[in-house]
Amino acid sequence: MKENQVKLLPRWVFLFISVGTSWASGLYLGMQMVEGTSTAYLIRIIGFGALALVMAWGAYSNH
């Protein structure tokens, strides 16, 4: 009998996405500091920051 094999994404994918979204969050933070406060930038900073944390958690956790 064949056992069910589930393909899981490698950890480096989560790490790569986490680094990319952290970089994007920092970019928007820098843009907000230069251009002034904007709700649109604030939403992007929080969104990309939260996504970075979730992806870092995915890279760190063991199944």
PDB file of N, CA and C in Angstrom:
ATOM      1  N   MET A   1       0.821  -1.183   0.000  1.00  0.00           N
ATOM      2  CA  MET A   1       0.000   0.000   0.000  1.00  0.00           C
ATOM      3  C   MET A   1       0.867   1.249   0.000  1.00  0.00           C
ATOM      4  N   LYS A   2       0.391   2.220  -0.708  1.00  0.00           N
ATOM      5  CA  LYS A   2       1.075   3.510  -0.707  1.00  0.00           C
ATOM      6  C   LYS A   2       0.530   4.360   0.430  1.00  0.00           C
ATOM      7  N   GLU A   3       1.471   5.011   1.095  1.00  0.00           N
ATOM      8  CA  GLU A   3       1.046   5.938   2.137  1.00  0.00           C
ATOM      9  C   GLU A   3       0.777   7.295   1.495  1.00  0.00           C
ATOM     10  N   ASN A   4      -0.142   8.015   2.067  1.00  0.00           N
ATOM     11  CA  ASN A   4      -0.434   9.354   1.553  1.00  0.00           C
ATOM     12  C   ASN A   4       0.745  10.270   1.829  1.00  0.00           C
ATOM     13  N   GLN A   5       1.261  10.843   0.787  1.00  0.00           N
ATOM     14  CA  GLN A   5       2.372  11.772   0.935  1.00  0.00           C
ATOM     15  C   GLN A   5       1.864  13.174   0.649  1.00  0.00           C
ATOM     16  N   VAL A   6       2.081  14.023   1.597  1.00  0.00           N
ATOM     17  CA  VAL A   6       1.647  15.404   1.469  1.00  0.00           C
ATOM     18  C   VAL A   6       2.868  16.246   1.159  1.00  0.00           C
ATOM     19  N   LYS A   7       2.789  17.004   0.082  1.00  0.00           N
ATOM     20  CA  LYS A   7       3.899  17.880  -0.261  1.00  0.00           C
ATOM     21  C   LYS A   7       3.775  19.167   0.540  1.00  0.00           C
ATOM     22  N   LEU A   8       4.815  19.504   1.237  1.00  0.00           N
ATOM     23  CA  LEU A   8       4.852  20.728   2.010  1.00  0.00           C
ATOM     24  C   LEU A   8       5.841  21.687   1.370  1.00  0.00           C
ATOM     25  N   LEU A   9       5.539  22.965   1.481  1.00  0.00           N
ATOM     26  CA  LEU A   9       6.480  23.955   0.970  1.00  0.00           C
ATOM     27  C   LEU A   9       7.745  23.942   1.810  1.00  0.00           C
ATOM     28  N   PRO A  10       8.894  24.080   1.178  1.00  0.00           N
ATOM     29  CA  PRO A  10      10.130  24.141   1.958  1.00  0.00           C
ATOM     30  C   PRO A  10      10.174  25.408   2.812  1.00  0.00           C
ATOM     31  N   ARG A  11      10.924  25.327   3.883  1.00  0.00           N
ATOM     32  CA  ARG A  11      11.023  26.455   4.797  1.00  0.00           C
ATOM     33  C   ARG A  11      11.621  27.689   4.149  1.00  0.00           C
ATOM     34  N   TRP A  12      12.520  27.494   3.208  1.00  0.00           N
ATOM     35  CA  TRP A  12      13.176  28.656   2.604  1.00  0.00           C
ATOM     36  C   TRP A  12      12.186  29.522   1.836  1.00  0.00           C
ATOM     37  N   VAL A  13      11.066  28.949   1.379  1.00  0.00           N
ATOM     38  CA  VAL A  13      10.034  29.743   0.694  1.00  0.00           C
ATOM     39  C   VAL A  13       9.403  30.724   1.678  1.00  0.00           C
ATOM     40  N   PHE A  14       9.067  30.228   2.864  1.00  0.00           N
ATOM     41  CA  PHE A  14       8.495  31.101   3.883  1.00  0.00           C
ATOM     42  C   PHE A  14       9.507  32.154   4.317  1.00  0.00           C
ATOM     43  N   LEU A  15      10.753  31.768   4.457  1.00  0.00           N
ATOM     44  CA  LEU A  15      11.794  32.712   4.845  1.00  0.00           C
ATOM     45  C   LEU A  15      11.984  33.784   3.778  1.00  0.00           C
ATOM     46  N   PHE A  16      11.983  33.393   2.519  1.00  0.00           N
ATOM     47  CA  PHE A  16      12.131  34.337   1.407  1.00  0.00           C
ATOM     48  C   PHE A  16      10.974  35.339   1.382  1.00  0.00           C
ATOM     49  N   ILE A  17       9.759  34.854   1.548  1.00  0.00           N
ATOM     50  CA  ILE A  17       8.587  35.739   1.561  1.00  0.00           C
ATOM     51  C   ILE A  17       8.632  36.656   2.776  1.00  0.00           C
ATOM     52  N   SER A  18       9.060  36.123   3.917  1.00  0.00           N
ATOM     53  CA  SER A  18       9.152  36.927   5.131  1.00  0.00           C
ATOM     54  C   SER A  18      10.146  38.071   4.971  1.00  0.00           C
ATOM     55  N   VAL A  19      11.299  37.790   4.398  1.00  0.00           N
ATOM     56  CA  VAL A  19      12.304  38.837   4.182  1.00  0.00           C
ATOM     57  C   VAL A  19      11.790  39.867   3.184  1.00  0.00           C
ATOM     58  N   GLY A  20      11.148  39.422   2.128  1.00  0.00           N
ATOM     59  CA  GLY A  20      10.611  40.340   1.123  1.00  0.00           C
ATOM     60  C   GLY A  20       9.530  41.255   1.665  1.00  0.00           C
ATOM     61  N   THR A  21       8.633  40.701   2.467  1.00  0.00           N
ATOM     62  CA  THR A  21       7.567  41.530   3.011  1.00  0.00           C
ATOM     63  C   THR A  21       8.082  42.467   4.104  1.00  0.00           C
ATOM     64  N   SER A  22       9.108  42.038   4.841  1.00  0.00           N
ATOM     65  CA  SER A  22       9.738  42.947   5.815  1.00  0.00           C
ATOM     66  C   SER A  22      10.379  44.120   5.096  1.00  0.00           C
ATOM     67  N   TRP A  23      11.022  43.828   3.980  1.00  0.00           N
ATOM     68  CA  TRP A  23      11.656  44.877   3.184  1.00  0.00           C
ATOM     69  C   TRP A  23      10.602  45.849   2.650  1.00  0.00           C
ATOM     70  N   ALA A  24       9.494  45.320   2.159  1.00  0.00           N
ATOM     71  CA  ALA A  24       8.420  46.175   1.645  1.00  0.00           C
ATOM     72  C   ALA A  24       7.835  47.045   2.752  1.00  0.00           C
ATOM     73  N   SER A  25       7.661  46.471   3.934  1.00  0.00           N
ATOM     74  CA  SER A  25       7.143  47.245   5.061  1.00  0.00           C
ATOM     75  C   SER A  25       8.100  48.379   5.419  1.00  0.00           C
ATOM     76  N   GLY A  26       9.374  48.098   5.414  1.00  0.00           N
ATOM     77  CA  GLY A  26      10.377  49.130   5.686  1.00  0.00           C
ATOM     78  C   GLY A  26      10.405  50.201   4.619  1.00  0.00           C
ATOM     79  N   LEU A  27      10.203  49.804   3.369  1.00  0.00           N
ATOM     80  CA  LEU A  27      10.150  50.779   2.283  1.00  0.00           C
ATOM     81  C   LEU A  27       9.002  51.760   2.474  1.00  0.00           C
ATOM     82  N   TYR A  28       7.838  51.226   2.782  1.00  0.00           N
ATOM     83  CA  TYR A  28       6.681  52.095   2.996  1.00  0.00           C
ATOM     84  C   TYR A  28       6.854  52.955   4.244  1.00  0.00           C
ATOM     85  N   LEU A  29       7.525  52.416   5.265  1.00  0.00           N
ATOM     86  CA  LEU A  29       7.797  53.215   6.454  1.00  0.00           C
ATOM     87  C   LEU A  29       8.712  54.381   6.117  1.00  0.00           C
ATOM     88  N   GLY A  30       9.730  54.125   5.314  1.00  0.00           N
ATOM     89  CA  GLY A  30      10.620  55.196   4.873  1.00  0.00           C
ATOM     90  C   GLY A  30       9.907  56.223   4.017  1.00  0.00           C
ATOM     91  N   MET A  31       9.035  55.762   3.136  1.00  0.00           N
ATOM     92  CA  MET A  31       8.274  56.683   2.293  1.00  0.00           C
ATOM     93  C   MET A  31       7.360  57.562   3.141  1.00  0.00           C
ATOM     94  N   GLN A  32       6.783  56.979   4.180  1.00  0.00           N
ATOM     95  CA  GLN A  32       5.904  57.753   5.043  1.00  0.00           C
ATOM     96  C   GLN A  32       6.706  58.787   5.833  1.00  0.00           C
ATOM     97  N   MET A  33       7.919  58.447   6.225  1.00  0.00           N
ATOM     98  CA  MET A  33       8.743  59.389   6.973  1.00  0.00           C
ATOM     99  C   MET A  33       9.169  60.565   6.101  1.00  0.00           C
ATOM    100  N   VAL A  34       9.407  60.319   4.820  1.00  0.00           N
ATOM    101  CA  VAL A  34       9.851  61.381   3.908  1.00  0.00           C
ATOM    102  C   VAL A  34       8.674  62.237   3.446  1.00  0.00           C
ATOM    103  N   GLU A  35       7.583  61.590   3.030  1.00  0.00           N
ATOM    104  CA  GLU A  35       6.464  62.309   2.425  1.00  0.00           C
ATOM    105  C   GLU A  35       5.420  62.784   3.429  1.00  0.00           C
ATOM    106  N   GLY A  36       5.461  62.290   4.635  1.00  0.00           N
ATOM    107  CA  GLY A  36       4.461  62.679   5.626  1.00  0.00           C
ATOM    108  C   GLY A  36       3.480  61.553   5.884  1.00  0.00           C
ATOM    109  N   THR A  37       2.688  61.729   6.909  1.00  0.00           N
ATOM    110  CA  THR A  37       1.749  60.692   7.340  1.00  0.00           C
ATOM    111  C   THR A  37       0.635  60.494   6.314  1.00  0.00           C
ATOM    112  N   SER A  38       0.361  59.229   6.019  1.00  0.00           N
ATOM    113  CA  SER A  38      -0.686  58.879   5.079  1.00  0.00           C
ATOM    114  C   SER A  38      -1.343  57.584   5.546  1.00  0.00           C
ATOM    115  N   THR A  39      -2.650  57.550   5.500  1.00  0.00           N
ATOM    116  CA  THR A  39      -3.379  56.347   5.912  1.00  0.00           C
ATOM    117  C   THR A  39      -3.077  55.176   4.974  1.00  0.00           C
ATOM    118  N   ALA A  40      -2.919  55.463   3.706  1.00  0.00           N
ATOM    119  CA  ALA A  40      -2.628  54.403   2.739  1.00  0.00           C
ATOM    120  C   ALA A  40      -1.286  53.742   3.046  1.00  0.00           C
ATOM    121  N   TYR A  41      -0.273  54.527   3.368  1.00  0.00           N
ATOM    122  CA  TYR A  41       1.031  53.963   3.717  1.00  0.00           C
ATOM    123  C   TYR A  41       0.948  53.189   5.029  1.00  0.00           C
ATOM    124  N   LEU A  42       0.196  53.723   5.985  1.00  0.00           N
ATOM    125  CA  LEU A  42       0.067  53.054   7.275  1.00  0.00           C
ATOM    126  C   LEU A  42      -0.577  51.682   7.122  1.00  0.00           C
ATOM    127  N   ILE A  43      -1.597  51.586   6.293  1.00  0.00           N
ATOM    128  CA  ILE A  43      -2.244  50.292   6.044  1.00  0.00           C
ATOM    129  C   ILE A  43      -1.267  49.320   5.399  1.00  0.00           C
ATOM    130  N   ARG A  44      -0.479  49.794   4.458  1.00  0.00           N
ATOM    131  CA  ARG A  44       0.509  48.925   3.800  1.00  0.00           C
ATOM    132  C   ARG A  44       1.609  48.491   4.760  1.00  0.00           C
ATOM    133  N   ILE A  45       2.049  49.401   5.622  1.00  0.00           N
ATOM    134  CA  ILE A  45       3.083  49.058   6.604  1.00  0.00           C
ATOM    135  C   ILE A  45       2.590  47.958   7.537  1.00  0.00           C
ATOM    136  N   ILE A  46       1.389  48.124   8.055  1.00  0.00           N
ATOM    137  CA  ILE A  46       0.829  47.135   8.979  1.00  0.00           C
ATOM    138  C   ILE A  46       0.568  45.816   8.263  1.00  0.00           C
ATOM    139  N   GLY A  47       0.035  45.866   7.051  1.00  0.00           N
ATOM    140  CA  GLY A  47      -0.257  44.648   6.294  1.00  0.00           C
ATOM    141  C   GLY A  47       0.989  43.851   5.964  1.00  0.00           C
ATOM    142  N   PHE A  48       1.996  44.522   5.424  1.00  0.00           N
ATOM    143  CA  PHE A  48       3.229  43.822   5.088  1.00  0.00           C
ATOM    144  C   PHE A  48       3.962  43.352   6.340  1.00  0.00           C
ATOM    145  N   GLY A  49       3.903  44.133   7.413  1.00  0.00           N
ATOM    146  CA  GLY A  49       4.536  43.716   8.666  1.00  0.00           C
ATOM    147  C   GLY A  49       3.874  42.478   9.245  1.00  0.00           C
ATOM    148  N   ALA A  50       2.554  42.437   9.225  1.00  0.00           N
ATOM    149  CA  ALA A  50       1.827  41.265   9.732  1.00  0.00           C
ATOM    150  C   ALA A  50       2.111  40.035   8.867  1.00  0.00           C
ATOM    151  N   LEU A  51       2.141  40.218   7.559  1.00  0.00           N
ATOM    152  CA  LEU A  51       2.450  39.103   6.669  1.00  0.00           C
ATOM    153  C   LEU A  51       3.870  38.593   6.904  1.00  0.00           C
ATOM    154  N   ALA A  52       4.797  39.499   7.151  1.00  0.00           N
ATOM    155  CA  ALA A  52       6.179  39.102   7.438  1.00  0.00           C
ATOM    156  C   ALA A  52       6.251  38.260   8.707  1.00  0.00           C
ATOM    157  N   LEU A  53       5.504  38.653   9.734  1.00  0.00           N
ATOM    158  CA  LEU A  53       5.504  37.881  10.975  1.00  0.00           C
ATOM    159  C   LEU A  53       4.894  36.495  10.789  1.00  0.00           C
ATOM    160  N   VAL A  54       3.816  36.421  10.032  1.00  0.00           N
ATOM    161  CA  VAL A  54       3.176  35.123   9.789  1.00  0.00           C
ATOM    162  C   VAL A  54       4.103  34.208   8.976  1.00  0.00           C
ATOM    163  N   MET A  55       4.754  34.745   7.975  1.00  0.00           N
ATOM    164  CA  MET A  55       5.664  33.933   7.159  1.00  0.00           C
ATOM    165  C   MET A  55       6.906  33.519   7.953  1.00  0.00           C
ATOM    166  N   ALA A  56       7.407  34.388   8.818  1.00  0.00           N
ATOM    167  CA  ALA A  56       8.549  34.025   9.663  1.00  0.00           C
ATOM    168  C   ALA A  56       8.154  32.915  10.638  1.00  0.00           C
ATOM    169  N   TRP A  57       6.931  33.010  11.151  1.00  0.00           N
ATOM    170  CA  TRP A  57       6.435  31.954  12.034  1.00  0.00           C
ATOM    171  C   TRP A  57       6.324  30.634  11.270  1.00  0.00           C
ATOM    172  N   GLY A  58       5.874  30.686  10.026  1.00  0.00           N
ATOM    173  CA  GLY A  58       5.794  29.492   9.202  1.00  0.00           C
ATOM    174  C   GLY A  58       7.153  28.888   8.906  1.00  0.00           C
ATOM    175  N   ALA A  59       8.159  29.730   8.739  1.00  0.00           N
ATOM    176  CA  ALA A  59       9.507  29.228   8.487  1.00  0.00           C
ATOM    177  C   ALA A  59      10.112  28.624   9.746  1.00  0.00           C
ATOM    178  N   TYR A  60       9.745  29.155  10.898  1.00  0.00           N
ATOM    179  CA  TYR A  60      10.336  28.716  12.157  1.00  0.00           C
ATOM    180  C   TYR A  60       9.667  27.488  12.725  1.00  0.00           C
ATOM    181  N   SER A  61       8.371  27.335  12.517  1.00  0.00           N
ATOM    182  CA  SER A  61       7.618  26.250  13.171  1.00  0.00           C
ATOM    183  C   SER A  61       7.952  24.890  12.576  1.00  0.00           C
ATOM    184  N   ASN A  62       7.822  23.903  13.403  1.00  0.00           N
ATOM    185  CA  ASN A  62       8.009  22.510  12.982  1.00  0.00           C
ATOM    186  C   ASN A  62       6.651  21.837  12.863  1.00  0.00           C
ATOM    187  N   HIS A  63       6.530  20.960  11.892  1.00  0.00           N
ATOM    188  CA  HIS A  63       5.267  20.239  11.716  1.00  0.00           C
ATOM    189  C   HIS A  63       5.325  18.932  12.435  1.00  0.00           C
TER     190      HIS A  63
END
